[in-house]
Amino acid sequence: MSFPASATEPGIEARASELVAAGSVEISPRELHRATEVAALLPAGSCVYIPSLAGLPLARTLEAIAAIRAAGLDPVPHVSARRIVNREEFRDFLRRAAAEHGVHRVLLIGGDEPRPKGPFVDSLQILEERLLADCGVREIGLAGYPEGHPRIPLNAIEAALARKLELAAAQSIGVYVLTQFSFAPARVVEYCVMLARRWPSLPVYVGIAGPTDPAALARYAQRCGVSRSLRALRTLGSGIAQLVTNTDPRDQVVTVARYTRSREPSNVVGVHLYSFGGAVRTAAWMRELL
């Protein structure tokens, strides 16, 4: 696999490969039968995220964690606060995930349910109750929104992030940011610059849409609230729209690599590939870059 012409500056290809090597991918619980295929394509111990699905019992997520660990990968479950039905069941899930399957980090998110299904209104409340630290979680990922959140004002997001960092530090929990994907790499870079300015020691993993057909990518963009940049870019002409919906994410990785080279040391430590139900295809793409 060759890099785009934009990657010809000295060191850019190597840096792009480093970001992918330090990166992660996601695998849906519906794709668990392909966990060994994903493991065969990635370095041993690579982080694999398990998305939270509406209506998926915690017991099923625990099965997914076990399967990913058995395949030689490092499972990172999403913890979706508004989808937690029962506090004690959730506590038991965390304890078993840590004790039986070596889970040491989770991606802590609020979740997109219109109303909480149980006791937690948002992810901040989980941190306030010390549930993660008490159950063996040593590191958390927090969602970052380069294009903003479709329902939460920017000032509220930043205030919540500051409070989460404060609570995590008090509980000796490590923190990093994992960003939502975007169709506009420049917007992602601007967001990383903002984080580096406000929280220079906060590590960032840049979320990138994996190799996906354009129609599926557009559907996921609508669900994830990142279609605003696509609509704006389409007003510039179909050529631009085709560029940013390119099914090969190499250009985006190169943009991030160039940013990290220009700001050394950089707050960006890796990339995360959203697979959209195509974990094997995404892992194969990552392997080619490695």
Protein backbone atom coordinates (compact mmCIF):
# COMPACT_ATOMS: atom_id res chain seq x y z
CA MET A 1 0.00 0.00 0.00
CA SER A 2 1.42 3.36 -0.97
CA PHE A 3 0.82 6.59 0.87
CA PRO A 4 -0.72 9.60 -0.90
CA ALA A 5 1.59 12.17 -2.46
CA SER A 6 0.96 14.41 0.55
CA ALA A 7 2.96 11.95 2.67
CA THR A 8 6.24 12.48 0.84
CA GLU A 9 7.71 14.89 3.43
CA PRO A 10 10.54 13.28 5.42
CA GLY A 11 9.28 11.16 8.30
CA ILE A 12 5.56 11.46 7.56
CA GLU A 13 5.12 7.86 6.42
CA ALA A 14 6.98 6.57 9.47
CA ARG A 15 4.95 8.77 11.81
CA ALA A 16 1.68 7.63 10.21
CA SER A 17 2.69 4.02 10.76
CA GLU A 18 3.59 4.79 14.39
CA LEU A 19 0.15 6.29 14.99
CA VAL A 20 -1.54 3.19 13.57
CA ALA A 21 0.75 0.87 15.57
CA ALA A 22 -0.20 2.71 18.76
CA GLY A 23 -3.83 2.76 17.74
CA SER A 24 -6.95 0.69 18.17
CA VAL A 25 -10.01 -0.62 16.40
CA GLU A 26 -13.53 -1.54 17.41
CA ILE A 27 -15.40 -4.79 16.99
CA SER A 28 -19.14 -5.11 17.44
CA PRO A 29 -20.44 -7.93 19.65
CA ARG A 30 -22.15 -9.14 16.47
CA GLU A 31 -18.71 -9.76 14.93
CA LEU A 32 -17.23 -11.79 17.75
CA HIS A 33 -16.99 -14.89 15.57
CA ARG A 34 -14.27 -12.99 13.66
CA ALA A 35 -12.19 -11.96 16.68
CA THR A 36 -9.41 -14.43 15.85
CA GLU A 37 -9.22 -13.05 12.29
CA VAL A 38 -8.83 -9.54 13.66
CA ALA A 39 -6.16 -10.74 16.11
CA ALA A 40 -4.18 -12.38 13.31
CA LEU A 41 -3.93 -9.01 11.53
CA LEU A 42 -2.93 -6.81 14.47
CA PRO A 43 0.02 -6.75 16.87
CA ALA A 44 -0.53 -8.91 19.95
CA GLY A 45 -2.26 -7.05 22.74
CA SER A 46 -3.78 -4.37 20.48
CA CYS A 47 -6.68 -2.48 22.02
CA VAL A 48 -10.08 -3.49 20.68
CA TYR A 49 -13.11 -1.46 21.73
CA ILE A 50 -16.52 -3.04 22.26
CA PRO A 51 -19.31 -0.59 21.39
CA SER A 52 -22.37 -0.29 23.59
CA LEU A 53 -25.46 -1.45 21.74
CA ALA A 54 -29.02 -0.59 22.72
CA GLY A 55 -30.63 -3.50 24.54
CA LEU A 56 -27.39 -5.51 24.82
CA PRO A 57 -27.24 -7.11 28.30
CA LEU A 58 -24.07 -6.64 30.33
CA ALA A 59 -23.70 -10.43 30.40
CA ARG A 60 -23.38 -10.39 26.61
CA THR A 61 -20.76 -7.64 26.80
CA LEU A 62 -18.85 -9.78 29.29
CA GLU A 63 -18.89 -12.63 26.75
CA ALA A 64 -17.49 -10.24 24.14
CA ILE A 65 -14.73 -9.18 26.53
CA ALA A 66 -13.82 -12.82 27.19
CA ALA A 67 -13.69 -13.66 23.47
CA ILE A 68 -11.47 -10.68 22.64
CA ARG A 69 -9.09 -11.45 25.51
CA ALA A 70 -8.95 -15.12 24.46
CA ALA A 71 -7.94 -13.98 20.97
CA GLY A 72 -4.88 -12.22 22.43
CA LEU A 73 -6.25 -8.69 22.24
CA ASP A 74 -6.88 -6.07 24.94
CA PRO A 75 -10.65 -5.51 25.36
CA VAL A 76 -11.89 -1.98 26.08
CA PRO A 77 -15.64 -1.92 26.69
CA HIS A 78 -17.75 1.16 26.19
CA VAL A 79 -19.50 2.18 29.40
CA SER A 80 -22.66 4.01 28.36
CA ALA A 81 -24.04 5.67 31.48
CA ARG A 82 -27.61 6.17 30.30
CA ARG A 83 -27.92 2.52 29.24
CA ILE A 84 -27.04 1.09 32.65
CA VAL A 85 -30.19 -0.43 34.11
CA ASN A 86 -29.06 -1.47 37.58
CA ARG A 87 -26.22 -0.08 39.72
CA GLU A 88 -25.30 -3.37 41.44
CA GLU A 89 -25.42 -5.35 38.20
CA PHE A 90 -23.08 -2.77 36.67
CA ARG A 91 -20.73 -2.97 39.66
CA ASP A 92 -20.60 -6.76 39.34
CA PHE A 93 -19.92 -6.45 35.61
CA LEU A 94 -16.95 -4.14 36.22
CA ARG A 95 -15.48 -6.36 38.92
CA ARG A 96 -15.75 -9.49 36.79
CA ALA A 97 -14.38 -7.74 33.71
CA ALA A 98 -11.32 -6.60 35.67
CA ALA A 99 -10.73 -9.72 37.79
CA GLU A 100 -11.53 -12.43 35.22
CA HIS A 101 -10.51 -10.81 31.93
CA GLY A 102 -7.92 -8.18 32.81
CA VAL A 103 -9.97 -5.17 31.76
CA HIS A 104 -8.09 -2.12 33.01
CA ARG A 105 -9.56 0.64 30.86
CA VAL A 106 -13.01 1.60 29.60
CA LEU A 107 -14.39 4.24 27.27
CA LEU A 108 -16.72 6.27 29.48
CA ILE A 109 -19.58 7.91 27.58
CA GLY A 110 -22.99 9.29 28.38
CA GLY A 111 -24.83 7.38 25.68
CA ASP A 112 -27.41 8.58 23.22
CA GLU A 113 -30.55 7.37 24.99
CA PRO A 114 -33.18 10.15 25.18
CA ARG A 115 -33.88 9.13 28.81
CA PRO A 116 -31.71 7.22 31.29
CA LYS A 117 -32.67 3.56 31.57
CA GLY A 118 -31.43 3.40 35.14
CA PRO A 119 -29.72 5.39 37.89
CA PHE A 120 -27.11 7.32 35.84
CA VAL A 121 -27.95 10.51 34.01
CA ASP A 122 -24.46 10.98 32.60
CA SER A 123 -20.92 9.62 32.72
CA LEU A 124 -19.84 12.24 35.24
CA GLN A 125 -22.12 10.66 37.83
CA ILE A 126 -20.28 7.31 37.48
CA LEU A 127 -16.99 9.03 38.27
CA GLU A 128 -18.51 10.90 41.20
CA GLU A 129 -19.61 7.58 42.74
CA ARG A 130 -16.08 6.09 42.38
CA LEU A 131 -17.47 2.95 40.79
CA LEU A 132 -14.66 2.57 38.27
CA ALA A 133 -11.74 2.93 40.66
CA ASP A 134 -13.37 0.69 43.27
CA CYS A 135 -13.82 -2.08 40.69
CA GLY A 136 -10.27 -2.09 39.31
CA VAL A 137 -10.45 0.27 36.33
CA ARG A 138 -7.17 2.19 36.08
CA GLU A 139 -7.69 4.25 32.92
CA ILE A 140 -10.64 5.82 31.13
CA GLY A 141 -11.18 7.21 27.69
CA LEU A 142 -13.41 10.25 27.33
CA ALA A 143 -15.19 11.20 24.13
CA GLY A 144 -13.97 14.26 22.22
CA TYR A 145 -16.13 16.12 19.71
CA PRO A 146 -14.18 18.03 17.03
CA GLU A 147 -17.46 19.16 15.46
CA GLY A 148 -19.23 19.72 18.75
CA HIS A 149 -22.05 17.62 20.17
CA PRO A 150 -25.43 17.73 18.43
CA ARG A 151 -27.30 18.19 21.74
CA ILE A 152 -24.80 19.53 24.30
CA PRO A 153 -23.42 23.12 24.21
CA LEU A 154 -19.65 23.51 23.87
CA ASN A 155 -19.23 25.26 27.22
CA ALA A 156 -21.06 22.41 28.98
CA ILE A 157 -18.82 19.82 27.28
CA GLU A 158 -15.66 21.65 28.31
CA ALA A 159 -16.87 22.13 31.89
CA ALA A 160 -17.73 18.42 32.15
CA LEU A 161 -14.31 17.44 30.78
CA ALA A 162 -12.54 19.63 33.33
CA ARG A 163 -14.57 18.09 36.15
CA LYS A 164 -13.91 14.53 34.92
CA LEU A 165 -10.18 15.21 34.80
CA GLU A 166 -10.31 16.52 38.36
CA LEU A 167 -12.26 13.49 39.64
CA ALA A 168 -10.07 11.00 37.80
CA ALA A 169 -6.90 12.54 39.21
CA ALA A 170 -8.31 12.35 42.73
CA GLN A 171 -8.99 8.64 42.19
CA SER A 172 -5.60 7.91 40.52
CA ILE A 173 -7.29 7.01 37.23
CA GLY A 174 -5.46 7.79 34.00
CA VAL A 175 -7.39 9.70 31.35
CA TYR A 176 -7.18 10.15 27.59
CA VAL A 177 -9.49 11.58 24.95
CA LEU A 178 -10.76 9.58 21.99
CA THR A 179 -12.31 11.80 19.34
CA GLN A 180 -15.36 11.26 17.21
CA PHE A 181 -14.52 10.89 13.52
CA SER A 182 -14.93 13.84 11.18
CA PHE A 183 -15.01 14.44 7.45
CA ALA A 184 -12.81 17.49 7.88
CA PRO A 185 -9.25 16.64 9.07
CA ALA A 186 -8.44 20.32 9.59
CA ARG A 187 -11.25 20.54 12.11
CA VAL A 188 -9.81 17.59 14.01
CA VAL A 189 -6.38 19.24 14.10
CA GLU A 190 -7.91 22.46 15.42
CA TYR A 191 -9.60 20.48 18.17
CA CYS A 192 -6.33 18.76 19.11
CA VAL A 193 -4.59 22.14 19.26
CA MET A 194 -7.30 23.42 21.61
CA LEU A 195 -6.88 20.40 23.90
CA ALA A 196 -3.09 20.79 23.89
CA ARG A 197 -3.43 24.43 24.83
CA ARG A 198 -5.83 23.81 27.74
CA TRP A 199 -4.62 20.40 28.94
CA PRO A 200 -1.10 19.87 27.53
CA SER A 201 -0.55 16.55 29.31
CA LEU A 202 -3.84 14.99 28.18
CA PRO A 203 -3.22 12.21 25.62
CA VAL A 204 -5.44 12.12 22.54
CA TYR A 205 -6.38 9.30 20.19
CA VAL A 206 -7.82 10.63 16.96
CA GLY A 207 -10.87 8.74 15.77
CA ILE A 208 -10.92 8.05 12.02
CA ALA A 209 -13.55 6.36 9.91
CA GLY A 210 -12.16 3.07 8.66
CA PRO A 211 -12.45 1.83 5.07
CA THR A 212 -16.21 1.92 4.45
CA ASP A 213 -18.41 2.37 1.43
CA PRO A 214 -19.66 5.99 1.10
CA ALA A 215 -23.34 5.14 1.61
CA ALA A 216 -22.67 3.35 4.90
CA LEU A 217 -20.34 6.13 5.99
CA ALA A 218 -23.05 8.73 5.41
CA ARG A 219 -25.51 6.70 7.49
CA TYR A 220 -23.10 6.42 10.39
CA ALA A 221 -22.31 10.13 10.12
CA GLN A 222 -26.00 10.94 10.61
CA ARG A 223 -26.15 8.71 13.70
CA CYS A 224 -22.94 10.11 15.19
CA GLY A 225 -23.73 13.77 14.65
CA VAL A 226 -20.80 14.54 12.34
CA SER A 227 -22.71 15.17 9.14
CA ARG A 228 -22.46 18.96 9.59
CA SER A 229 -18.96 19.09 8.11
CA LEU A 230 -20.05 16.91 5.19
CA ARG A 231 -22.95 19.23 4.39
CA ALA A 232 -20.71 22.28 4.59
CA LEU A 233 -18.07 20.76 2.34
CA ARG A 234 -20.64 19.66 -0.22
CA THR A 235 -21.48 23.31 -0.81
CA LEU A 236 -17.94 23.65 -2.18
CA GLY A 237 -18.62 21.19 -4.97
CA SER A 238 -18.92 17.47 -5.59
CA GLY A 239 -15.16 17.04 -5.95
CA ILE A 240 -14.57 18.17 -2.37
CA ALA A 241 -17.40 15.96 -1.13
CA GLN A 242 -15.90 12.96 -2.86
CA LEU A 243 -12.50 13.75 -1.36
CA VAL A 244 -13.71 13.79 2.24
CA THR A 245 -15.90 10.70 1.83
CA ASN A 246 -13.02 8.73 0.36
CA THR A 247 -13.36 5.17 1.59
CA ASP A 248 -9.61 4.96 2.24
CA PRO A 249 -8.63 6.88 5.40
CA ARG A 250 -4.92 7.30 4.53
CA ASP A 251 -5.21 11.04 3.86
CA GLN A 252 -6.69 11.59 7.31
CA VAL A 253 -3.93 9.59 8.99
CA VAL A 254 -1.33 11.62 7.08
CA THR A 255 -2.94 14.89 8.21
CA VAL A 256 -2.74 13.77 11.82
CA ALA A 257 0.86 12.57 11.32
CA ARG A 258 1.84 15.96 9.93
CA TYR A 259 0.27 17.68 12.94
CA THR A 260 2.22 15.51 15.37
CA ARG A 261 5.46 16.21 13.51
CA SER A 262 4.87 19.95 13.74
CA ARG A 263 4.21 19.86 17.49
CA GLU A 264 6.78 17.66 19.16
CA PRO A 265 6.11 16.41 21.74
CA SER A 266 2.51 16.01 20.58
CA ASN A 267 -0.61 15.35 22.58
CA VAL A 268 -1.77 12.88 19.89
CA VAL A 269 -0.46 9.42 20.70
CA GLY A 270 -2.38 7.23 18.25
CA VAL A 271 -5.42 6.80 16.06
CA HIS A 272 -8.60 4.83 16.58
CA LEU A 273 -10.33 3.24 13.60
CA TYR A 274 -14.12 3.09 13.61
CA SER A 275 -14.94 -0.11 11.74
CA PHE A 276 -18.73 0.25 11.30
CA GLY A 277 -19.28 -3.48 11.35
CA GLY A 278 -16.23 -4.25 9.21
CA ALA A 279 -13.60 -5.09 11.83
CA VAL A 280 -11.66 -7.56 9.67
CA ARG A 281 -11.48 -5.17 6.72
CA THR A 282 -10.35 -2.35 9.00
CA ALA A 283 -7.74 -4.51 10.74
CA ALA A 284 -6.42 -5.60 7.32
CA TRP A 285 -6.10 -1.94 6.30
CA MET A 286 -4.16 -1.20 9.51
CA ARG A 287 -1.84 -4.15 8.89
CA GLU A 288 -0.97 -2.86 5.42
CA LEU A 289 0.13 0.47 6.89
CA LEU A 290 2.22 -1.32 9.47
